[in-house]
C-alpha atoms as a PDB file:
ATOM      1  CA  UNK A   1      40.407 -37.837   5.973  1.00  0.00           C
ATOM      2  CA  UNK A   2      42.771 -38.167   8.860  1.00  0.00           C
ATOM      3  CA  UNK A   3      45.049 -35.844  10.765  1.00  0.00           C
ATOM      4  CA  UNK A   4      46.259 -33.814   7.800  1.00  0.00           C
ATOM      5  CA  UNK A   5      43.909 -34.415   4.837  1.00  0.00           C
ATOM      6  CA  UNK A   6      40.585 -32.765   3.951  1.00  0.00           C
ATOM      7  CA  UNK A   7      39.350 -31.037   7.151  1.00  0.00           C
ATOM      8  CA  UNK A   8      41.590 -32.825   9.660  1.00  0.00           C
ATOM      9  CA  UNK A   9      43.133 -30.932  12.592  1.00  0.00           C
ATOM     10  CA  UNK A  10      46.516 -30.562  10.846  1.00  0.00           C
ATOM     11  CA  UNK A  11      45.080 -29.693   7.409  1.00  0.00           C
ATOM     12  CA  UNK A  12      45.047 -26.250   5.836  1.00  0.00           C
ATOM     13  CA  UNK A  13      41.301 -25.860   6.515  1.00  0.00           C
ATOM     14  CA  UNK A  14      40.413 -27.772   9.704  1.00  0.00           C
ATOM     15  CA  UNK A  15      36.801 -28.064  10.754  1.00  0.00           C
ATOM     16  CA  UNK A  16      37.766 -27.323  14.367  1.00  0.00           C
ATOM     17  CA  UNK A  17      40.523 -25.494  16.158  1.00  0.00           C
ATOM     18  CA  UNK A  18      43.118 -26.072  18.854  1.00  0.00           C
ATOM     19  CA  UNK A  19      42.190 -24.235  22.045  1.00  0.00           C
ATOM     20  CA  UNK A  20      45.456 -22.484  22.775  1.00  0.00           C
ATOM     21  CA  UNK A  21      46.087 -18.866  23.854  1.00  0.00           C
ATOM     22  CA  UNK A  22      48.775 -18.339  21.198  1.00  0.00           C
ATOM     23  CA  UNK A  23      48.515 -18.979  17.454  1.00  0.00           C
ATOM     24  CA  UNK A  24      49.923 -22.281  16.246  1.00  0.00           C
ATOM     25  CA  UNK A  25      52.456 -22.449  13.403  1.00  0.00           C
ATOM     26  CA  UNK A  26      50.918 -22.277   9.943  1.00  0.00           C
ATOM     27  CA  UNK A  27      52.026 -25.868   9.310  1.00  0.00           C
ATOM     28  CA  UNK A  28      52.259 -28.619  11.915  1.00  0.00           C
ATOM     29  CA  UNK A  29      53.888 -31.967  11.114  1.00  0.00           C
ATOM     30  CA  UNK A  30      53.362 -35.077  13.214  1.00  0.00           C
ATOM     31  CA  UNK A  31      55.375 -38.306  13.176  1.00  0.00           C
ATOM     32  CA  UNK A  32      54.536 -41.507  15.038  1.00  0.00           C
ATOM     33  CA  UNK A  33      55.298 -45.233  15.017  1.00  0.00           C
ATOM     34  CA  UNK A  34      52.834 -47.136  12.836  1.00  0.00           C
ATOM     35  CA  UNK A  35      52.914 -50.212  15.114  1.00  0.00           C
ATOM     36  CA  UNK A  36      51.778 -52.418  12.236  1.00  0.00           C
ATOM     37  CA  UNK A  37      53.756 -54.633   9.866  1.00  0.00           C
ATOM     38  CA  UNK A  38      54.029 -52.867   6.508  1.00  0.00           C
ATOM     39  CA  UNK A  39      55.410 -54.383   3.308  1.00  0.00           C
ATOM     40  CA  UNK A  40      56.199 -53.001  -0.156  1.00  0.00           C
ATOM     41  CA  UNK A  41      56.046 -55.036  -3.357  1.00  0.00           C
ATOM     42  CA  UNK A  42      57.955 -54.181  -6.547  1.00  0.00           C
ATOM     43  CA  UNK A  43      59.268 -56.225  -9.472  1.00  0.00           C
ATOM     44  CA  UNK A  44      57.255 -59.216  -8.284  1.00  0.00           C
ATOM     45  CA  UNK A  45      59.074 -59.336  -4.958  1.00  0.00           C
ATOM     46  CA  UNK A  46      58.971 -57.898  -1.446  1.00  0.00           C
ATOM     47  CA  UNK A  47      61.488 -55.041  -1.279  1.00  0.00           C
ATOM     48  CA  UNK A  48      60.649 -53.786   2.216  1.00  0.00           C
ATOM     49  CA  UNK A  49      59.161 -55.562   5.222  1.00  0.00           C
ATOM     50  CA  UNK A  50      59.079 -53.838   8.596  1.00  0.00           C
ATOM     51  CA  UNK A  51      57.380 -53.630  11.967  1.00  0.00           C
ATOM     52  CA  UNK A  52      59.347 -50.451  12.712  1.00  0.00           C
ATOM     53  CA  UNK A  53      57.728 -47.975  10.310  1.00  0.00           C
ATOM     54  CA  UNK A  54      57.285 -44.292  11.196  1.00  0.00           C
ATOM     55  CA  UNK A  55      54.358 -42.378   9.681  1.00  0.00           C
ATOM     56  CA  UNK A  56      54.742 -38.722   8.791  1.00  0.00           C
ATOM     57  CA  UNK A  57      51.576 -36.601   8.675  1.00  0.00           C
ATOM     58  CA  UNK A  58      51.915 -33.243   6.945  1.00  0.00           C
ATOM     59  CA  UNK A  59      49.247 -30.810   5.699  1.00  0.00           C
ATOM     60  CA  UNK A  60      47.650 -31.729   2.396  1.00  0.00           C
ATOM     61  CA  UNK A  61      49.054 -35.248   2.162  1.00  0.00           C
ATOM     62  CA  UNK A  62      48.089 -38.719   3.150  1.00  0.00           C
ATOM     63  CA  UNK A  63      50.472 -40.249   5.702  1.00  0.00           C
ATOM     64  CA  UNK A  64      53.897 -41.232   4.354  1.00  0.00           C
ATOM     65  CA  UNK A  65      55.598 -44.374   5.668  1.00  0.00           C
ATOM     66  CA  UNK A  66      59.325 -44.252   6.438  1.00  0.00           C
ATOM     67  CA  UNK A  67      61.237 -47.558   6.650  1.00  0.00           C
ATOM     68  CA  UNK A  68      64.497 -48.252   8.514  1.00  0.00           C
ATOM     69  CA  UNK A  69      67.319 -49.193   6.100  1.00  0.00           C
ATOM     70  CA  UNK A  70      67.769 -52.602   7.760  1.00  0.00           C
ATOM     71  CA  UNK A  71      64.264 -53.622   6.627  1.00  0.00           C
ATOM     72  CA  UNK A  72      64.829 -52.779   2.939  1.00  0.00           C
ATOM     73  CA  UNK A  73      66.215 -55.444   0.606  1.00  0.00           C
ATOM     74  CA  UNK A  74      69.828 -55.372  -0.473  1.00  0.00           C
ATOM     75  CA  UNK A  75      70.396 -53.768  -3.869  1.00  0.00           C
ATOM     76  CA  UNK A  76      66.920 -52.244  -3.981  1.00  0.00           C
ATOM     77  CA  UNK A  77      68.014 -48.615  -3.713  1.00  0.00           C
ATOM     78  CA  UNK A  78      70.379 -46.818  -6.096  1.00  0.00           C
ATOM     79  CA  UNK A  79      71.286 -43.210  -5.187  1.00  0.00           C
ATOM     80  CA  UNK A  80      70.511 -40.590  -7.825  1.00  0.00           C
ATOM     81  CA  UNK A  81      72.209 -37.276  -8.455  1.00  0.00           C
ATOM     82  CA  UNK A  82      68.994 -35.481  -7.553  1.00  0.00           C
ATOM     83  CA  UNK A  83      68.288 -33.482  -4.410  1.00  0.00           C
ATOM     84  CA  UNK A  84      65.189 -31.462  -3.550  1.00  0.00           C
ATOM     85  CA  UNK A  85      64.286 -29.418  -0.491  1.00  0.00           C
ATOM     86  CA  UNK A  86      61.334 -30.251   1.747  1.00  0.00           C
ATOM     87  CA  UNK A  87      59.770 -26.987   2.900  1.00  0.00           C
ATOM     88  CA  UNK A  88      59.884 -28.015   6.551  1.00  0.00           C
ATOM     89  CA  UNK A  89      62.466 -30.798   6.837  1.00  0.00           C
ATOM     90  CA  UNK A  90      65.334 -29.785   4.567  1.00  0.00           C
ATOM     91  CA  UNK A  91      67.293 -31.581   1.860  1.00  0.00           C
ATOM     92  CA  UNK A  92      65.813 -34.729   0.310  1.00  0.00           C
ATOM     93  CA  UNK A  93      67.946 -37.340  -1.468  1.00  0.00           C
ATOM     94  CA  UNK A  94      66.306 -39.495  -4.146  1.00  0.00           C
ATOM     95  CA  UNK A  95      66.804 -43.107  -5.193  1.00  0.00           C
ATOM     96  CA  UNK A  96      65.955 -45.356  -8.095  1.00  0.00           C
ATOM     97  CA  UNK A  97      64.328 -48.640  -7.089  1.00  0.00           C
ATOM     98  CA  UNK A  98      65.375 -51.957  -8.691  1.00  0.00           C
ATOM     99  CA  UNK A  99      64.182 -55.537  -8.334  1.00  0.00           C
ATOM    100  CA  UNK A 100      63.681 -58.523 -10.619  1.00  0.00           C
ATOM    101  CA  UNK A 101      64.382 -56.675 -13.847  1.00  0.00           C
ATOM    102  CA  UNK A 102      62.019 -53.828 -12.934  1.00  0.00           C
ATOM    103  CA  UNK A 103      63.256 -50.344 -12.164  1.00  0.00           C
ATOM    104  CA  UNK A 104      61.756 -46.951 -11.386  1.00  0.00           C
ATOM    105  CA  UNK A 105      63.528 -43.606 -11.187  1.00  0.00           C
ATOM    106  CA  UNK A 106      62.951 -41.242  -8.270  1.00  0.00           C
ATOM    107  CA  UNK A 107      60.792 -43.848  -6.583  1.00  0.00           C
ATOM    108  CA  UNK A 108      62.164 -43.489  -3.052  1.00  0.00           C
ATOM    109  CA  UNK A 109      63.668 -40.735  -0.921  1.00  0.00           C
ATOM    110  CA  UNK A 110      65.429 -39.947   2.344  1.00  0.00           C
ATOM    111  CA  UNK A 111      65.365 -36.710   4.324  1.00  0.00           C
ATOM    112  CA  UNK A 112      69.101 -36.162   4.574  1.00  0.00           C
ATOM    113  CA  UNK A 113      69.475 -32.933   6.547  1.00  0.00           C
ATOM    114  CA  UNK A 114      66.819 -33.141   9.221  1.00  0.00           C
ATOM    115  CA  UNK A 115      66.477 -30.562  11.982  1.00  0.00           C
ATOM    116  CA  UNK A 116      67.185 -31.921  15.448  1.00  0.00           C
ATOM    117  CA  UNK A 117      63.516 -32.079  16.416  1.00  0.00           C
ATOM    118  CA  UNK A 118      62.786 -34.536  13.548  1.00  0.00           C
ATOM    119  CA  UNK A 119      65.342 -37.115  14.566  1.00  0.00           C
ATOM    120  CA  UNK A 120      62.884 -40.031  14.553  1.00  0.00           C
ATOM    121  CA  UNK A 121      62.928 -39.866  10.726  1.00  0.00           C
ATOM    122  CA  UNK A 122      66.717 -39.900  10.441  1.00  0.00           C
ATOM    123  CA  UNK A 123      68.155 -42.364   7.868  1.00  0.00           C
ATOM    124  CA  UNK A 124      64.689 -43.685   7.055  1.00  0.00           C
ATOM    125  CA  UNK A 125      63.470 -44.185   3.477  1.00  0.00           C
ATOM    126  CA  UNK A 126      60.019 -43.629   1.999  1.00  0.00           C
ATOM    127  CA  UNK A 127      58.685 -45.212  -1.204  1.00  0.00           C
ATOM    128  CA  UNK A 128      56.508 -43.335  -3.686  1.00  0.00           C
ATOM    129  CA  UNK A 129      53.079 -44.902  -4.110  1.00  0.00           C
ATOM    130  CA  UNK A 130      52.652 -44.573  -7.881  1.00  0.00           C
ATOM    131  CA  UNK A 131      55.734 -46.585  -8.962  1.00  0.00           C
ATOM    132  CA  UNK A 132      55.296 -49.389  -6.417  1.00  0.00           C
ATOM    133  CA  UNK A 133      53.209 -52.435  -7.272  1.00  0.00           C
ATOM    134  CA  UNK A 134      51.517 -52.619  -3.882  1.00  0.00           C
ATOM    135  CA  UNK A 135      51.695 -51.877  -0.165  1.00  0.00           C
ATOM    136  CA  UNK A 136      50.478 -54.421   2.381  1.00  0.00           C
ATOM    137  CA  UNK A 137      49.655 -54.469   6.080  1.00  0.00           C
ATOM    138  CA  UNK A 138      50.384 -58.089   6.962  1.00  0.00           C
ATOM    139  CA  UNK A 139      48.737 -60.002   4.052  1.00  0.00           C
ATOM    140  CA  UNK A 140      46.079 -57.370   3.305  1.00  0.00           C
ATOM    141  CA  UNK A 141      46.686 -55.025   0.388  1.00  0.00           C
ATOM    142  CA  UNK A 142      46.290 -51.311   1.128  1.00  0.00           C
ATOM    143  CA  UNK A 143      44.277 -49.882  -1.745  1.00  0.00           C
ATOM    144  CA  UNK A 144      44.050 -46.303  -2.925  1.00  0.00           C
ATOM    145  CA  UNK A 145      46.621 -44.535  -0.781  1.00  0.00           C
ATOM    146  CA  UNK A 146      48.496 -44.859   2.478  1.00  0.00           C
ATOM    147  CA  UNK A 147      46.150 -46.056   5.201  1.00  0.00           C
ATOM    148  CA  UNK A 148      45.398 -43.307   7.714  1.00  0.00           C
ATOM    149  CA  UNK A 149      44.984 -44.777  11.185  1.00  0.00           C
ATOM    150  CA  UNK A 150      42.924 -41.748  12.232  1.00  0.00           C
ATOM    151  CA  UNK A 151      40.313 -42.161   9.517  1.00  0.00           C
ATOM    152  CA  UNK A 152      37.093 -43.583  10.890  1.00  0.00           C
ATOM    153  CA  UNK A 153      33.623 -44.382   9.567  1.00  0.00           C
ATOM    154  CA  UNK A 154      30.616 -45.084  11.784  1.00  0.00           C
ATOM    155  CA  UNK A 155      27.210 -46.057  10.395  1.00  0.00           C
ATOM    156  CA  UNK A 156      24.081 -45.741  12.490  1.00  0.00           C
ATOM    157  CA  UNK A 157      20.557 -46.950  11.876  1.00  0.00           C
ATOM    158  CA  UNK A 158      17.908 -44.309  12.541  1.00  0.00           C
ATOM    159  CA  UNK A 159      14.153 -43.779  12.317  1.00  0.00           C
ATOM    160  CA  UNK A 160      14.367 -40.132  11.236  1.00  0.00           C
ATOM    161  CA  UNK A 161      12.176 -39.040   8.348  1.00  0.00           C
ATOM    162  CA  UNK A 162      14.122 -38.270   5.177  1.00  0.00           C
ATOM    163  CA  UNK A 163      12.496 -37.067   1.953  1.00  0.00           C
ATOM    164  CA  UNK A 164      14.205 -36.317  -1.360  1.00  0.00           C
ATOM    165  CA  UNK A 165      12.430 -34.231  -4.003  1.00  0.00           C
ATOM    166  CA  UNK A 166      13.237 -33.198  -7.533  1.00  0.00           C
ATOM    167  CA  UNK A 167      10.881 -30.249  -7.855  1.00  0.00           C
ATOM    168  CA  UNK A 168       7.427 -31.652  -7.134  1.00  0.00           C
ATOM    169  CA  UNK A 169       8.521 -35.231  -7.678  1.00  0.00           C
ATOM    170  CA  UNK A 170       9.228 -37.378  -4.615  1.00  0.00           C
ATOM    171  CA  UNK A 171      12.387 -39.329  -5.352  1.00  0.00           C
ATOM    172  CA  UNK A 172      12.728 -40.987  -1.931  1.00  0.00           C
ATOM    173  CA  UNK A 173      10.724 -41.133   1.279  1.00  0.00           C
ATOM    174  CA  UNK A 174      11.981 -43.173   4.213  1.00  0.00           C
ATOM    175  CA  UNK A 175      11.859 -43.499   7.999  1.00  0.00           C
ATOM    176  CA  UNK A 176      14.764 -45.938   8.019  1.00  0.00           C
ATOM    177  CA  UNK A 177      17.766 -44.131   6.549  1.00  0.00           C
ATOM    178  CA  UNK A 178      21.281 -44.839   7.707  1.00  0.00           C
ATOM    179  CA  UNK A 179      23.617 -42.079   8.813  1.00  0.00           C
ATOM    180  CA  UNK A 180      27.253 -42.368   7.757  1.00  0.00           C
ATOM    181  CA  UNK A 181      29.688 -40.381   9.898  1.00  0.00           C
ATOM    182  CA  UNK A 182      33.148 -40.108   8.349  1.00  0.00           C
ATOM    183  CA  UNK A 183      36.125 -38.352   9.912  1.00  0.00           C
ATOM    184  CA  UNK A 184      36.172 -34.681   8.960  1.00  0.00           C
ATOM    185  CA  UNK A 185      32.922 -34.730   6.987  1.00  0.00           C
ATOM    186  CA  UNK A 186      29.363 -33.799   7.817  1.00  0.00           C
ATOM    187  CA  UNK A 187      26.917 -36.751   8.022  1.00  0.00           C
ATOM    188  CA  UNK A 188      25.765 -38.423   4.842  1.00  0.00           C
ATOM    189  CA  UNK A 189      22.337 -40.052   4.711  1.00  0.00           C
ATOM    190  CA  UNK A 190      21.772 -43.327   2.857  1.00  0.00           C
ATOM    191  CA  UNK A 191      18.358 -44.585   1.759  1.00  0.00           C
ATOM    192  CA  UNK A 192      17.266 -48.207   1.124  1.00  0.00           C
ATOM    193  CA  UNK A 193      16.318 -48.959  -2.483  1.00  0.00           C
ATOM    194  CA  UNK A 194      12.780 -50.014  -1.543  1.00  0.00           C
ATOM    195  CA  UNK A 195      12.075 -46.432  -0.423  1.00  0.00           C
ATOM    196  CA  UNK A 196      13.278 -44.837  -3.680  1.00  0.00           C
ATOM    197  CA  UNK A 197      11.458 -44.310  -6.970  1.00  0.00           C
ATOM    198  CA  UNK A 198      13.790 -46.318  -9.249  1.00  0.00           C
ATOM    199  CA  UNK A 199      12.578 -44.462 -12.345  1.00  0.00           C
ATOM    200  CA  UNK A 200      14.046 -41.245 -10.913  1.00  0.00           C
ATOM    201  CA  UNK A 201      17.609 -42.582 -10.979  1.00  0.00           C
ATOM    202  CA  UNK A 202      19.476 -42.518 -14.301  1.00  0.00           C
ATOM    203  CA  UNK A 203      22.696 -44.575 -14.004  1.00  0.00           C
ATOM    204  CA  UNK A 204      25.941 -42.922 -15.033  1.00  0.00           C
ATOM    205  CA  UNK A 205      28.669 -45.030 -16.663  1.00  0.00           C
ATOM    206  CA  UNK A 206      31.612 -43.519 -14.768  1.00  0.00           C
ATOM    207  CA  UNK A 207      32.562 -44.922 -11.358  1.00  0.00           C
ATOM    208  CA  UNK A 208      35.045 -43.738  -8.736  1.00  0.00           C
ATOM    209  CA  UNK A 209      36.900 -45.500  -5.957  1.00  0.00           C
ATOM    210  CA  UNK A 210      37.049 -44.835  -2.228  1.00  0.00           C
ATOM    211  CA  UNK A 211      39.755 -46.700  -0.271  1.00  0.00           C
ATOM    212  CA  UNK A 212      37.402 -46.949   2.728  1.00  0.00           C
ATOM    213  CA  UNK A 213      34.103 -47.824   1.057  1.00  0.00           C
ATOM    214  CA  UNK A 214      34.821 -49.359  -2.359  1.00  0.00           C
ATOM    215  CA  UNK A 215      33.571 -48.639  -5.880  1.00  0.00           C
ATOM    216  CA  UNK A 216      31.012 -45.848  -6.150  1.00  0.00           C
ATOM    217  CA  UNK A 217      28.296 -45.674  -8.825  1.00  0.00           C
ATOM    218  CA  UNK A 218      26.471 -42.450  -9.693  1.00  0.00           C
ATOM    219  CA  UNK A 219      23.027 -41.406 -10.897  1.00  0.00           C
ATOM    220  CA  UNK A 220      21.608 -38.367 -12.644  1.00  0.00           C
ATOM    221  CA  UNK A 221      18.250 -37.104 -11.426  1.00  0.00           C
ATOM    222  CA  UNK A 222      16.052 -34.969 -13.672  1.00  0.00           C
ATOM    223  CA  UNK A 223      19.004 -33.763 -15.700  1.00  0.00           C
ATOM    224  CA  UNK A 224      21.092 -32.988 -12.609  1.00  0.00           C
ATOM    225  CA  UNK A 225      24.478 -34.626 -13.087  1.00  0.00           C
ATOM    226  CA  UNK A 226      25.584 -37.143 -10.439  1.00  0.00           C
ATOM    227  CA  UNK A 227      22.947 -36.048  -7.958  1.00  0.00           C
ATOM    228  CA  UNK A 228      23.031 -39.412  -6.158  1.00  0.00           C
ATOM    229  CA  UNK A 229      25.498 -42.215  -5.566  1.00  0.00           C
ATOM    230  CA  UNK A 230      25.683 -45.735  -4.196  1.00  0.00           C
ATOM    231  CA  UNK A 231      28.303 -48.226  -3.090  1.00  0.00           C
ATOM    232  CA  UNK A 232      26.467 -51.149  -4.645  1.00  0.00           C
ATOM    233  CA  UNK A 233      28.911 -53.680  -3.214  1.00  0.00           C
ATOM    234  CA  UNK A 234      30.521 -51.763  -0.369  1.00  0.00           C
ATOM    235  CA  UNK A 235      33.555 -53.082   1.485  1.00  0.00           C
ATOM    236  CA  UNK A 236      32.614 -55.440   4.367  1.00  0.00           C
ATOM    237  CA  UNK A 237      33.593 -52.789   6.927  1.00  0.00           C
ATOM    238  CA  UNK A 238      30.767 -50.530   5.691  1.00  0.00           C
ATOM    239  CA  UNK A 239      28.269 -53.179   4.601  1.00  0.00           C
ATOM    240  CA  UNK A 240      25.405 -51.349   6.337  1.00  0.00           C
ATOM    241  CA  UNK A 241      25.238 -48.890   3.409  1.00  0.00           C
ATOM    242  CA  UNK A 242      25.880 -51.452   0.686  1.00  0.00           C
ATOM    243  CA  UNK A 243      23.480 -50.780  -2.235  1.00  0.00           C
ATOM    244  CA  UNK A 244      21.859 -47.883  -0.353  1.00  0.00           C
ATOM    245  CA  UNK A 245      21.670 -44.509  -2.129  1.00  0.00           C
ATOM    246  CA  UNK A 246      22.780 -41.098  -0.912  1.00  0.00           C
ATOM    247  CA  UNK A 247      21.788 -37.749  -2.404  1.00  0.00           C
ATOM    248  CA  UNK A 248      23.606 -34.447  -2.959  1.00  0.00           C
ATOM    249  CA  UNK A 249      21.649 -31.730  -1.125  1.00  0.00           C
ATOM    250  CA  UNK A 250      22.990 -29.031  -3.456  1.00  0.00           C
ATOM    251  CA  UNK A 251      21.536 -30.800  -6.513  1.00  0.00           C
ATOM    252  CA  UNK A 252      18.193 -32.111  -5.267  1.00  0.00           C
ATOM    253  CA  UNK A 253      16.082 -31.121  -2.253  1.00  0.00           C
ATOM    254  CA  UNK A 254      16.840 -33.297   0.757  1.00  0.00           C
ATOM    255  CA  UNK A 255      14.688 -32.873   3.867  1.00  0.00           C
ATOM    256  CA  UNK A 256      15.460 -34.456   7.239  1.00  0.00           C
ATOM    257  CA  UNK A 257      12.691 -34.272   9.846  1.00  0.00           C
ATOM    258  CA  UNK A 258      11.235 -31.301   7.979  1.00  0.00           C
ATOM    259  CA  UNK A 259      14.511 -29.368   7.761  1.00  0.00           C
ATOM    260  CA  UNK A 260      16.134 -28.890   4.369  1.00  0.00           C
ATOM    261  CA  UNK A 261      19.761 -29.969   4.249  1.00  0.00           C
ATOM    262  CA  UNK A 262      22.528 -27.984   2.562  1.00  0.00           C
ATOM    263  CA  UNK A 263      25.946 -29.040   1.363  1.00  0.00           C
ATOM    264  CA  UNK A 264      28.384 -28.109   4.110  1.00  0.00           C
ATOM    265  CA  UNK A 265      31.828 -26.604   3.386  1.00  0.00           C
ATOM    266  CA  UNK A 266      34.620 -29.082   2.896  1.00  0.00           C
ATOM    267  CA  UNK A 267      32.419 -31.934   1.661  1.00  0.00           C
ATOM    268  CA  UNK A 268      34.030 -32.135  -1.782  1.00  0.00           C
ATOM    269  CA  UNK A 269      36.636 -34.881  -1.867  1.00  0.00           C
ATOM    270  CA  UNK A 270      40.105 -33.595  -2.700  1.00  0.00           C
ATOM    271  CA  UNK A 271      41.875 -35.620  -5.453  1.00  0.00           C
ATOM    272  CA  UNK A 272      44.705 -37.920  -4.416  1.00  0.00           C
ATOM    273  CA  UNK A 273      47.377 -35.676  -5.935  1.00  0.00           C
ATOM    274  CA  UNK A 274      50.867 -37.141  -5.685  1.00  0.00           C
ATOM    275  CA  UNK A 275      49.659 -40.078  -3.600  1.00  0.00           C
ATOM    276  CA  UNK A 276      48.362 -43.175  -5.282  1.00  0.00           C
ATOM    277  CA  UNK A 277      44.823 -43.136  -6.679  1.00  0.00           C
ATOM    278  CA  UNK A 278      43.636 -46.406  -8.215  1.00  0.00           C
ATOM    279  CA  UNK A 279      41.521 -46.300 -11.329  1.00  0.00           C
ATOM    280  CA  UNK A 280      38.396 -48.441 -11.465  1.00  0.00           C
ATOM    281  CA  UNK A 281      39.875 -51.110 -13.763  1.00  0.00           C
ATOM    282  CA  UNK A 282      42.791 -51.617 -11.370  1.00  0.00           C
ATOM    283  CA  UNK A 283      40.460 -52.007  -8.409  1.00  0.00           C
ATOM    284  CA  UNK A 284      38.308 -54.544 -10.249  1.00  0.00           C
ATOM    285  CA  UNK A 285      41.406 -56.534 -11.218  1.00  0.00           C
ATOM    286  CA  UNK A 286      42.317 -56.958  -7.545  1.00  0.00           C
ATOM    287  CA  UNK A 287      38.846 -57.673  -6.171  1.00  0.00           C
END
């Protein structure tokens, strides 16, 4: 989640609202300098390397990075006879991308008929995530999708009493859970393994990937599919929940300080869509 994804302030279904006397436009776009070095790799080579990237936030998408032409390698872009229309920003010209014997059609684009108010994007080129080999900030690979500088995760230790039940069976009982607060989402509560009945968790083969937390493993509980999950080896940035387990309150009964929790609207993660979503094998190959 960030400005425009999930329940962000510029998304289609924000969790909050702007306090203005007049209604805002149905769609708000926001562009800003990234102020980080961003690089693109394709065909085994760096095809773009810039400290002058502009990010475009628009509803329902992860941020899109636009590079100045001077920071894109010579011969990388080949214009195509293909033009589409962006619903807010006008005509879009498409390019094939070439480097080192590799090529990809419709792998980059430029907004070619921008309205005057969007001048900071003029002449800039964006690269599609799926065809590119990788995007990097400095020497660190950006995994999953474009990094959203407004996405934040805070983890807090707490002594609140959390109990998880499957009918009459106590699955977990702890006074040392950890609360994970993630931008745009309601809190998620993670329980240490020592406070869980291990026999209640039935591992599921399928894993998923979160760009901010790592590979996620799932568990069935009493026949309830994927009622719990765990980042067994979470990214270092969220190590405080590594190998802890969280539970879906709409599938099992989760009680916090005597109050039963419910799944709040907007908690379901929206698929990546047209932006890059790594599969598990690809993540493992790079970790």
